Amino acid sequence: MPNFVDLGPADAGDLARLLTGDAPEYGRYFVPFPSNDANALAARLGAARQDRYWGMREHDALVGFFMLRGFDEGYARPSFGVYVARAAAGQGLARRALAHAIDWCVRHDVARIMLKVHPDNAPALKAYRAAGFEPFDTCPRTGHIMMQKELR
C-alpha cells in the first residue's frame, strides 16, 4: 500500500512522469496545471506556502498525487484534486487521498473543501456525492461541476 508523502521541488521530475505517463484519454479529466513540465512543476512546488501537495509512493515510485490548493491565493476554502496512475487504479487510493485531505482540513480548522469534476466523470461524481460533496456551481472556464463539503 502506498505511503503518503509531502512533495517538494525535488519531486518534480517524478510528478511530471506521473502526470504524462498514462494515455491521454485516461487523464483527460484531470488538468491541474498549465504545464506538466518538470521545471514548471518544481517552481510550483517550491512556491507553495500554505497549499499542500502530497504524493503516493510505493517502492519509491510515485503512483499518485493529490493536493489542496487555493490557500496561497487567499482562499479559505481549498480545492482538492487527485490523480492516480492507471497501473495503481482500483485500489482505493483516490478515496484514501480524499480522506487524508479532509482529515488535514479538520485538523487545521478549515470549514469547507471544494473540488471540480468533469460532468462525464460518472465514477468520480458518484464517489464525491457518497463522500458528502454537494454541487454548487459550474466552472465557467472548464464546464466542470463545482462541489463542496462542509466540514464543521
C-alpha atoms as a PDB file:
ATOM      1  CA  MET A   1       0.000   0.000   0.000  1.00  0.00           C
ATOM      2  CA  PRO A   2       1.493   3.360  -0.973  1.00  0.00           C
ATOM      3  CA  ASN A   3       2.661   5.859   1.625  1.00  0.00           C
ATOM      4  CA  PHE A   4       1.562   9.490   1.511  1.00  0.00           C
ATOM      5  CA  VAL A   5       4.469  11.930   1.416  1.00  0.00           C
ATOM      6  CA  ASP A   6       4.802  15.700   1.139  1.00  0.00           C
ATOM      7  CA  LEU A   7       6.014  16.757  -2.303  1.00  0.00           C
ATOM      8  CA  GLY A   8       8.658  19.413  -2.883  1.00  0.00           C
ATOM      9  CA  PRO A   9      10.695  20.708  -5.816  1.00  0.00           C
ATOM     10  CA  ALA A  10      12.949  17.615  -5.796  1.00  0.00           C
ATOM     11  CA  ASP A  11       9.881  15.503  -6.657  1.00  0.00           C
ATOM     12  CA  ALA A  12       9.001  17.493  -9.793  1.00  0.00           C
ATOM     13  CA  GLY A  13      10.551  15.009 -12.225  1.00  0.00           C
ATOM     14  CA  ASP A  14       8.603  12.125 -10.703  1.00  0.00           C
ATOM     15  CA  LEU A  15       5.411  14.222 -10.744  1.00  0.00           C
ATOM     16  CA  ALA A  16       5.935  15.171 -14.397  1.00  0.00           C
ATOM     17  CA  ARG A  17       6.389  11.489 -15.300  1.00  0.00           C
ATOM     18  CA  LEU A  18       3.264  10.558 -13.342  1.00  0.00           C
ATOM     19  CA  LEU A  19       1.096  13.221 -14.988  1.00  0.00           C
ATOM     20  CA  THR A  20       2.293  12.391 -18.514  1.00  0.00           C
ATOM     21  CA  GLY A  21       2.858   8.641 -18.195  1.00  0.00           C
ATOM     22  CA  ASP A  22      -0.630   7.365 -18.960  1.00  0.00           C
ATOM     23  CA  ALA A  23      -2.519   7.508 -22.233  1.00  0.00           C
ATOM     24  CA  PRO A  24      -4.114  10.947 -22.734  1.00  0.00           C
ATOM     25  CA  GLU A  25      -7.673   9.579 -22.605  1.00  0.00           C
ATOM     26  CA  TYR A  26      -7.046   8.160 -19.117  1.00  0.00           C
ATOM     27  CA  GLY A  27      -6.124  11.525 -17.612  1.00  0.00           C
ATOM     28  CA  ARG A  28      -8.383  13.678 -19.787  1.00  0.00           C
ATOM     29  CA  TYR A  29     -10.479  14.901 -16.849  1.00  0.00           C
ATOM     30  CA  PHE A  30      -7.508  15.964 -14.695  1.00  0.00           C
ATOM     31  CA  VAL A  31      -5.753  19.141 -15.837  1.00  0.00           C
ATOM     32  CA  PRO A  32      -4.343  20.687 -12.658  1.00  0.00           C
ATOM     33  CA  PHE A  33      -1.575  22.874 -14.052  1.00  0.00           C
ATOM     34  CA  PRO A  34      -0.886  24.955 -17.167  1.00  0.00           C
ATOM     35  CA  SER A  35       2.222  22.803 -17.738  1.00  0.00           C
ATOM     36  CA  ASN A  36       3.369  19.350 -16.662  1.00  0.00           C
ATOM     37  CA  ASP A  37       6.984  20.275 -17.431  1.00  0.00           C
ATOM     38  CA  ALA A  38       9.303  19.288 -14.570  1.00  0.00           C
ATOM     39  CA  ASN A  39      10.755  22.807 -14.288  1.00  0.00           C
ATOM     40  CA  ALA A  40       7.299  24.404 -14.075  1.00  0.00           C
ATOM     41  CA  LEU A  41       6.214  21.810 -11.504  1.00  0.00           C
ATOM     42  CA  ALA A  42       9.377  22.375  -9.435  1.00  0.00           C
ATOM     43  CA  ALA A  43       8.656  26.107  -9.397  1.00  0.00           C
ATOM     44  CA  ARG A  44       5.035  25.498  -8.308  1.00  0.00           C
ATOM     45  CA  LEU A  45       6.011  23.039  -5.577  1.00  0.00           C
ATOM     46  CA  GLY A  46       8.789  25.357  -4.395  1.00  0.00           C
ATOM     47  CA  ALA A  47       6.488  28.376  -4.267  1.00  0.00           C
ATOM     48  CA  ALA A  48       3.827  26.640  -2.157  1.00  0.00           C
ATOM     49  CA  ARG A  49       3.492  28.196   1.279  1.00  0.00           C
ATOM     50  CA  GLN A  50       0.097  27.099   2.560  1.00  0.00           C
ATOM     51  CA  ASP A  51      -1.029  24.962  -0.390  1.00  0.00           C
ATOM     52  CA  ARG A  52      -0.447  21.249   0.170  1.00  0.00           C
ATOM     53  CA  TYR A  53       0.900  18.767  -2.386  1.00  0.00           C
ATOM     54  CA  TRP A  54       1.191  15.089  -1.498  1.00  0.00           C
ATOM     55  CA  GLY A  55       2.447  12.090  -3.393  1.00  0.00           C
ATOM     56  CA  MET A  56       1.571   8.438  -3.091  1.00  0.00           C
ATOM     57  CA  ARG A  57       4.789   6.447  -3.172  1.00  0.00           C
ATOM     58  CA  GLU A  58       5.068   2.701  -3.470  1.00  0.00           C
ATOM     59  CA  HIS A  59       8.547   1.167  -3.568  1.00  0.00           C
ATOM     60  CA  ASP A  60       9.915   4.672  -4.232  1.00  0.00           C
ATOM     61  CA  ALA A  61       7.736   5.101  -7.353  1.00  0.00           C
ATOM     62  CA  LEU A  62       5.188   7.925  -7.449  1.00  0.00           C
ATOM     63  CA  VAL A  63       1.867   6.199  -8.244  1.00  0.00           C
ATOM     64  CA  GLY A  64      -0.464   9.055  -7.324  1.00  0.00           C
ATOM     65  CA  PHE A  65      -0.707  12.687  -6.402  1.00  0.00           C
ATOM     66  CA  PHE A  66      -3.210  14.854  -4.551  1.00  0.00           C
ATOM     67  CA  MET A  67      -3.439  18.424  -3.402  1.00  0.00           C
ATOM     68  CA  LEU A  68      -5.257  21.114  -1.505  1.00  0.00           C
ATOM     69  CA  ARG A  69      -4.645  24.444  -3.125  1.00  0.00           C
ATOM     70  CA  GLY A  70      -6.041  27.949  -3.126  1.00  0.00           C
ATOM     71  CA  PHE A  71      -4.693  28.935   0.283  1.00  0.00           C
ATOM     72  CA  ASP A  72      -1.722  30.694  -1.315  1.00  0.00           C
ATOM     73  CA  GLU A  73      -4.145  32.813  -3.371  1.00  0.00           C
ATOM     74  CA  GLY A  74      -6.031  33.824  -0.227  1.00  0.00           C
ATOM     75  CA  TYR A  75      -8.972  31.408  -0.373  1.00  0.00           C
ATOM     76  CA  ALA A  76     -10.248  29.960   2.896  1.00  0.00           C
ATOM     77  CA  ARG A  77     -11.844  27.013   1.058  1.00  0.00           C
ATOM     78  CA  PRO A  78      -9.173  24.873  -0.615  1.00  0.00           C
ATOM     79  CA  SER A  79      -9.658  22.968  -3.835  1.00  0.00           C
ATOM     80  CA  PHE A  80      -8.935  19.233  -3.767  1.00  0.00           C
ATOM     81  CA  GLY A  81      -7.526  17.358  -6.738  1.00  0.00           C
ATOM     82  CA  VAL A  82      -6.275  13.799  -7.131  1.00  0.00           C
ATOM     83  CA  TYR A  83      -4.622  11.707  -9.826  1.00  0.00           C
ATOM     84  CA  VAL A  84      -3.801   8.009  -9.575  1.00  0.00           C
ATOM     85  CA  ALA A  85      -1.715   6.286 -12.249  1.00  0.00           C
ATOM     86  CA  ARG A  86      -3.651   3.792 -14.309  1.00  0.00           C
ATOM     87  CA  ALA A  87      -1.399   0.973 -13.045  1.00  0.00           C
ATOM     88  CA  ALA A  88      -2.443   1.772  -9.451  1.00  0.00           C
ATOM     89  CA  ALA A  89      -6.143   2.441 -10.149  1.00  0.00           C
ATOM     90  CA  GLY A  90      -8.849   0.433  -8.443  1.00  0.00           C
ATOM     91  CA  GLN A  91      -7.051   0.130  -5.105  1.00  0.00           C
ATOM     92  CA  GLY A  92      -8.998   2.848  -3.289  1.00  0.00           C
ATOM     93  CA  LEU A  93      -6.120   5.331  -3.412  1.00  0.00           C
ATOM     94  CA  ALA A  94      -8.258   8.294  -4.500  1.00  0.00           C
ATOM     95  CA  ARG A  95     -10.673   7.578  -1.656  1.00  0.00           C
ATOM     96  CA  ARG A  96      -7.756   7.355   0.826  1.00  0.00           C
ATOM     97  CA  ALA A  97      -6.330  10.613  -0.550  1.00  0.00           C
ATOM     98  CA  LEU A  98      -9.657  12.384  -0.115  1.00  0.00           C
ATOM     99  CA  ALA A  99      -9.966  11.085   3.455  1.00  0.00           C
ATOM    100  CA  HIS A 100      -6.414  12.275   4.184  1.00  0.00           C
ATOM    101  CA  ALA A 101      -7.133  15.742   2.754  1.00  0.00           C
ATOM    102  CA  ILE A 102     -10.391  16.048   4.703  1.00  0.00           C
ATOM    103  CA  ASP A 103      -8.659  14.950   7.901  1.00  0.00           C
ATOM    104  CA  TRP A 104      -5.911  17.518   7.283  1.00  0.00           C
ATOM    105  CA  CYS A 105      -8.564  20.231   6.812  1.00  0.00           C
ATOM    106  CA  VAL A 106     -10.400  19.265  10.003  1.00  0.00           C
ATOM    107  CA  ARG A 107      -7.125  19.281  11.994  1.00  0.00           C
ATOM    108  CA  HIS A 108      -6.308  22.741  10.587  1.00  0.00           C
ATOM    109  CA  ASP A 109      -9.773  24.207  11.242  1.00  0.00           C
ATOM    110  CA  VAL A 110     -10.764  24.529   7.568  1.00  0.00           C
ATOM    111  CA  ALA A 111     -14.543  24.934   7.372  1.00  0.00           C
ATOM    112  CA  ARG A 112     -15.157  23.524   3.889  1.00  0.00           C
ATOM    113  CA  ILE A 113     -13.413  21.900   0.972  1.00  0.00           C
ATOM    114  CA  MET A 114     -14.245  22.092  -2.719  1.00  0.00           C
ATOM    115  CA  LEU A 115     -13.388  20.292  -5.917  1.00  0.00           C
ATOM    116  CA  LYS A 116     -14.211  20.356  -9.600  1.00  0.00           C
ATOM    117  CA  VAL A 117     -15.243  17.289 -11.554  1.00  0.00           C
ATOM    118  CA  HIS A 118     -15.983  16.827 -15.246  1.00  0.00           C
ATOM    119  CA  PRO A 119     -19.708  16.153 -15.785  1.00  0.00           C
ATOM    120  CA  ASP A 120     -18.894  12.981 -17.774  1.00  0.00           C
ATOM    121  CA  ASN A 121     -16.728  11.530 -14.991  1.00  0.00           C
ATOM    122  CA  ALA A 122     -19.530   9.432 -13.514  1.00  0.00           C
ATOM    123  CA  PRO A 123     -17.372   7.327 -11.145  1.00  0.00           C
ATOM    124  CA  ALA A 124     -15.840  10.448  -9.567  1.00  0.00           C
ATOM    125  CA  LEU A 125     -19.217  12.180  -9.272  1.00  0.00           C
ATOM    126  CA  LYS A 126     -20.654   9.123  -7.537  1.00  0.00           C
ATOM    127  CA  ALA A 127     -17.687   8.867  -5.167  1.00  0.00           C
ATOM    128  CA  TYR A 128     -17.759  12.556  -4.267  1.00  0.00           C
ATOM    129  CA  ARG A 129     -21.500  12.512  -3.624  1.00  0.00           C
ATOM    130  CA  ALA A 130     -21.039   9.430  -1.428  1.00  0.00           C
ATOM    131  CA  ALA A 131     -18.357  11.352   0.498  1.00  0.00           C
ATOM    132  CA  GLY A 132     -20.823  14.162   1.218  1.00  0.00           C
ATOM    133  CA  PHE A 133     -19.952  16.668  -1.518  1.00  0.00           C
ATOM    134  CA  GLU A 134     -22.792  18.730  -2.980  1.00  0.00           C
ATOM    135  CA  PRO A 135     -22.783  20.564  -6.316  1.00  0.00           C
ATOM    136  CA  PHE A 136     -22.968  24.343  -6.005  1.00  0.00           C
ATOM    137  CA  ASP A 137     -21.956  25.787  -9.384  1.00  0.00           C
ATOM    138  CA  THR A 138     -20.363  25.156 -12.762  1.00  0.00           C
ATOM    139  CA  CYS A 139     -16.887  26.440 -13.553  1.00  0.00           C
ATOM    140  CA  PRO A 140     -17.317  28.969 -16.378  1.00  0.00           C
ATOM    141  CA  ARG A 141     -13.806  28.283 -17.687  1.00  0.00           C
ATOM    142  CA  THR A 142     -13.919  24.463 -17.833  1.00  0.00           C
ATOM    143  CA  GLY A 143     -17.586  23.495 -17.561  1.00  0.00           C
ATOM    144  CA  HIS A 144     -16.716  21.225 -14.623  1.00  0.00           C
ATOM    145  CA  ILE A 145     -19.195  20.753 -11.802  1.00  0.00           C
ATOM    146  CA  MET A 146     -18.043  22.545  -8.663  1.00  0.00           C
ATOM    147  CA  MET A 147     -18.787  20.626  -5.469  1.00  0.00           C
ATOM    148  CA  GLN A 148     -18.140  21.349  -1.803  1.00  0.00           C
ATOM    149  CA  LYS A 149     -18.354  19.665   1.552  1.00  0.00           C
ATOM    150  CA  GLU A 150     -18.950  21.405   4.859  1.00  0.00           C
ATOM    151  CA  LEU A 151     -16.512  20.152   7.486  1.00  0.00           C
ATOM    152  CA  ARG A 152     -17.983  21.815  10.590  1.00  0.00           C
END
